[in-house]
Amino acid sequence: MIINVKVRQGSRFSVVKGETWLITISEERENNAANHEIIRELSKEYSAVRILRGASSRRKVLEVIL
């Protein structure tokens, strides 16, 4: 499943699912920590998560395997 995501900084990790998912992260964007947090947290619910586009952007395209 291909998902469009918008990422924002916050106090804890959360996901609001819709046409475009809104993901709030607690990690800083330094040293790819934010991307690692997204993958780590979504992998708890899905078997595989991969960033297809937007690794350095707030808008990302993810591939999620159920």
N, C-alpha and C. Protein backbone atom coordinates (compact mmCIF):
# COMPACT_ATOMS: atom_id res chain seq x y z
N MET A 1 0.85 -1.16 0.00
CA MET A 1 0.00 0.00 0.00
C MET A 1 0.91 1.24 0.00
N ILE A 2 0.64 2.16 -0.89
CA ILE A 2 1.40 3.40 -1.01
C ILE A 2 0.63 4.51 -0.27
N ILE A 3 1.34 5.25 0.60
CA ILE A 3 0.70 6.25 1.45
C ILE A 3 1.42 7.58 1.32
N ASN A 4 0.67 8.66 1.14
CA ASN A 4 1.22 10.01 1.20
C ASN A 4 1.18 10.46 2.65
N VAL A 5 2.28 11.06 3.10
CA VAL A 5 2.43 11.41 4.51
C VAL A 5 2.90 12.85 4.63
N LYS A 6 2.37 13.55 5.62
CA LYS A 6 2.88 14.86 6.00
C LYS A 6 3.38 14.74 7.43
N VAL A 7 4.62 15.14 7.69
CA VAL A 7 5.26 14.97 8.98
C VAL A 7 5.38 16.32 9.67
N ARG A 8 5.13 16.32 10.99
CA ARG A 8 5.34 17.54 11.77
C ARG A 8 5.98 17.18 13.10
N GLN A 9 6.63 18.14 13.70
CA GLN A 9 7.31 17.97 14.99
C GLN A 9 6.31 18.11 16.12
N GLY A 10 6.42 17.27 17.14
CA GLY A 10 5.52 17.34 18.28
C GLY A 10 6.17 16.75 19.52
N SER A 11 5.36 16.47 20.52
CA SER A 11 5.90 15.95 21.77
C SER A 11 5.94 14.43 21.82
N ARG A 12 5.08 13.77 21.03
CA ARG A 12 5.10 12.31 21.00
C ARG A 12 4.63 11.83 19.63
N PHE A 13 4.90 10.55 19.33
CA PHE A 13 4.54 9.99 18.04
C PHE A 13 3.05 9.74 17.96
N SER A 14 2.43 10.19 16.87
CA SER A 14 1.02 9.88 16.62
C SER A 14 0.76 9.89 15.13
N VAL A 15 -0.30 9.19 14.73
CA VAL A 15 -0.68 9.08 13.32
C VAL A 15 -2.16 9.38 13.19
N VAL A 16 -2.51 10.27 12.28
CA VAL A 16 -3.90 10.53 11.92
C VAL A 16 -4.06 10.05 10.49
N LYS A 17 -4.85 8.98 10.32
CA LYS A 17 -5.00 8.36 9.01
C LYS A 17 -6.13 9.02 8.24
N GLY A 18 -5.90 9.22 6.98
CA GLY A 18 -6.88 9.80 6.08
C GLY A 18 -6.36 9.61 4.66
N GLU A 19 -6.77 10.47 3.75
CA GLU A 19 -6.24 10.41 2.39
C GLU A 19 -4.73 10.63 2.41
N THR A 20 -4.30 11.62 3.17
CA THR A 20 -2.88 11.85 3.48
C THR A 20 -2.72 11.69 4.98
N TRP A 21 -1.81 10.82 5.39
CA TRP A 21 -1.60 10.60 6.83
C TRP A 21 -0.82 11.77 7.41
N LEU A 22 -1.21 12.22 8.58
CA LEU A 22 -0.48 13.24 9.33
C LEU A 22 0.25 12.53 10.47
N ILE A 23 1.57 12.55 10.42
CA ILE A 23 2.38 11.88 11.43
C ILE A 23 3.10 12.93 12.25
N THR A 24 2.93 12.85 13.56
CA THR A 24 3.63 13.73 14.49
C THR A 24 4.77 12.94 15.10
N ILE A 25 5.99 13.50 15.06
CA ILE A 25 7.16 12.80 15.57
C ILE A 25 7.77 13.57 16.73
N SER A 26 8.49 12.85 17.58
CA SER A 26 9.15 13.50 18.71
C SER A 26 10.65 13.70 18.46
N GLU A 27 11.22 12.95 17.54
CA GLU A 27 12.65 13.05 17.25
C GLU A 27 12.97 14.27 16.39
N GLU A 28 14.19 14.74 16.51
CA GLU A 28 14.68 15.83 15.66
C GLU A 28 14.98 15.29 14.27
N ARG A 29 15.09 16.20 13.31
CA ARG A 29 15.38 15.80 11.93
C ARG A 29 16.86 15.51 11.71
N GLU A 30 17.69 15.79 12.70
CA GLU A 30 19.14 15.59 12.57
C GLU A 30 19.48 14.11 12.43
N ASN A 31 20.46 13.81 11.59
CA ASN A 31 21.02 12.47 11.42
C ASN A 31 19.96 11.41 11.11
N ASN A 32 18.92 11.80 10.39
CA ASN A 32 17.90 10.86 9.92
C ASN A 32 17.07 10.26 11.06
N ALA A 33 17.14 10.81 12.27
CA ALA A 33 16.44 10.26 13.42
C ALA A 33 14.93 10.26 13.22
N ALA A 34 14.40 11.28 12.57
CA ALA A 34 12.95 11.36 12.35
C ALA A 34 12.48 10.23 11.44
N ASN A 35 13.20 9.97 10.37
CA ASN A 35 12.84 8.88 9.47
C ASN A 35 12.92 7.53 10.18
N HIS A 36 13.94 7.34 11.00
CA HIS A 36 14.07 6.09 11.75
C HIS A 36 12.91 5.92 12.72
N GLU A 37 12.47 7.01 13.34
CA GLU A 37 11.33 6.94 14.25
C GLU A 37 10.06 6.55 13.51
N ILE A 38 9.84 7.13 12.34
CA ILE A 38 8.65 6.80 11.54
C ILE A 38 8.65 5.32 11.19
N ILE A 39 9.76 4.83 10.70
CA ILE A 39 9.85 3.42 10.32
C ILE A 39 9.70 2.51 11.54
N ARG A 40 10.38 2.84 12.63
CA ARG A 40 10.32 2.02 13.85
C ARG A 40 8.89 1.94 14.40
N GLU A 41 8.21 3.07 14.49
CA GLU A 41 6.87 3.08 15.08
C GLU A 41 5.83 2.44 14.17
N LEU A 42 5.89 2.69 12.87
CA LEU A 42 4.92 2.07 11.96
C LEU A 42 5.17 0.58 11.80
N SER A 43 6.41 0.13 11.99
CA SER A 43 6.73 -1.30 11.89
C SER A 43 6.11 -2.10 13.04
N LYS A 44 5.69 -1.44 14.10
CA LYS A 44 5.00 -2.13 15.19
C LYS A 44 3.61 -2.59 14.75
N GLU A 45 3.02 -1.87 13.79
CA GLU A 45 1.68 -2.18 13.32
C GLU A 45 1.68 -2.91 11.97
N TYR A 46 2.68 -2.63 11.15
CA TYR A 46 2.76 -3.20 9.81
C TYR A 46 4.03 -4.04 9.68
N SER A 47 4.01 -5.02 8.77
CA SER A 47 5.15 -5.93 8.66
C SER A 47 6.38 -5.28 8.02
N ALA A 48 6.17 -4.31 7.14
CA ALA A 48 7.31 -3.63 6.51
C ALA A 48 6.93 -2.21 6.14
N VAL A 49 7.87 -1.29 6.33
CA VAL A 49 7.66 0.12 6.00
C VAL A 49 8.91 0.61 5.30
N ARG A 50 8.72 1.33 4.19
CA ARG A 50 9.85 1.85 3.43
C ARG A 50 9.52 3.24 2.91
N ILE A 51 10.48 4.14 2.97
CA ILE A 51 10.32 5.49 2.43
C ILE A 51 10.68 5.44 0.95
N LEU A 52 9.72 5.75 0.09
CA LEU A 52 9.95 5.73 -1.35
C LEU A 52 10.46 7.08 -1.85
N ARG A 53 9.86 8.17 -1.34
CA ARG A 53 10.24 9.52 -1.75
C ARG A 53 10.14 10.46 -0.58
N GLY A 54 10.97 11.50 -0.59
CA GLY A 54 10.87 12.55 0.40
C GLY A 54 11.64 12.31 1.68
N ALA A 55 12.73 11.60 1.62
CA ALA A 55 13.51 11.28 2.83
C ALA A 55 13.96 12.54 3.56
N SER A 56 14.18 13.62 2.85
CA SER A 56 14.63 14.86 3.49
C SER A 56 13.54 15.94 3.48
N SER A 57 12.30 15.53 3.27
CA SER A 57 11.19 16.47 3.16
C SER A 57 10.13 16.18 4.22
N ARG A 58 9.27 17.15 4.49
CA ARG A 58 8.15 16.92 5.40
C ARG A 58 7.08 16.08 4.74
N ARG A 59 6.99 16.16 3.43
CA ARG A 59 6.03 15.34 2.67
C ARG A 59 6.77 14.12 2.15
N LYS A 60 6.24 12.95 2.48
CA LYS A 60 6.90 11.70 2.13
C LYS A 60 5.90 10.77 1.45
N VAL A 61 6.43 9.81 0.73
CA VAL A 61 5.63 8.73 0.17
C VAL A 61 6.20 7.45 0.77
N LEU A 62 5.33 6.71 1.47
CA LEU A 62 5.75 5.47 2.13
C LEU A 62 5.12 4.27 1.46
N GLU A 63 5.83 3.16 1.48
CA GLU A 63 5.26 1.88 1.10
C GLU A 63 5.09 1.09 2.38
N VAL A 64 3.86 0.67 2.65
CA VAL A 64 3.53 -0.09 3.85
C VAL A 64 2.99 -1.44 3.43
N ILE A 65 3.56 -2.51 3.98
CA ILE A 65 3.10 -3.86 3.68
C ILE A 65 2.37 -4.38 4.90
N LEU A 66 1.14 -4.79 4.69
CA LEU A 66 0.30 -5.26 5.80
C LEU A 66 0.74 -6.58 6.24
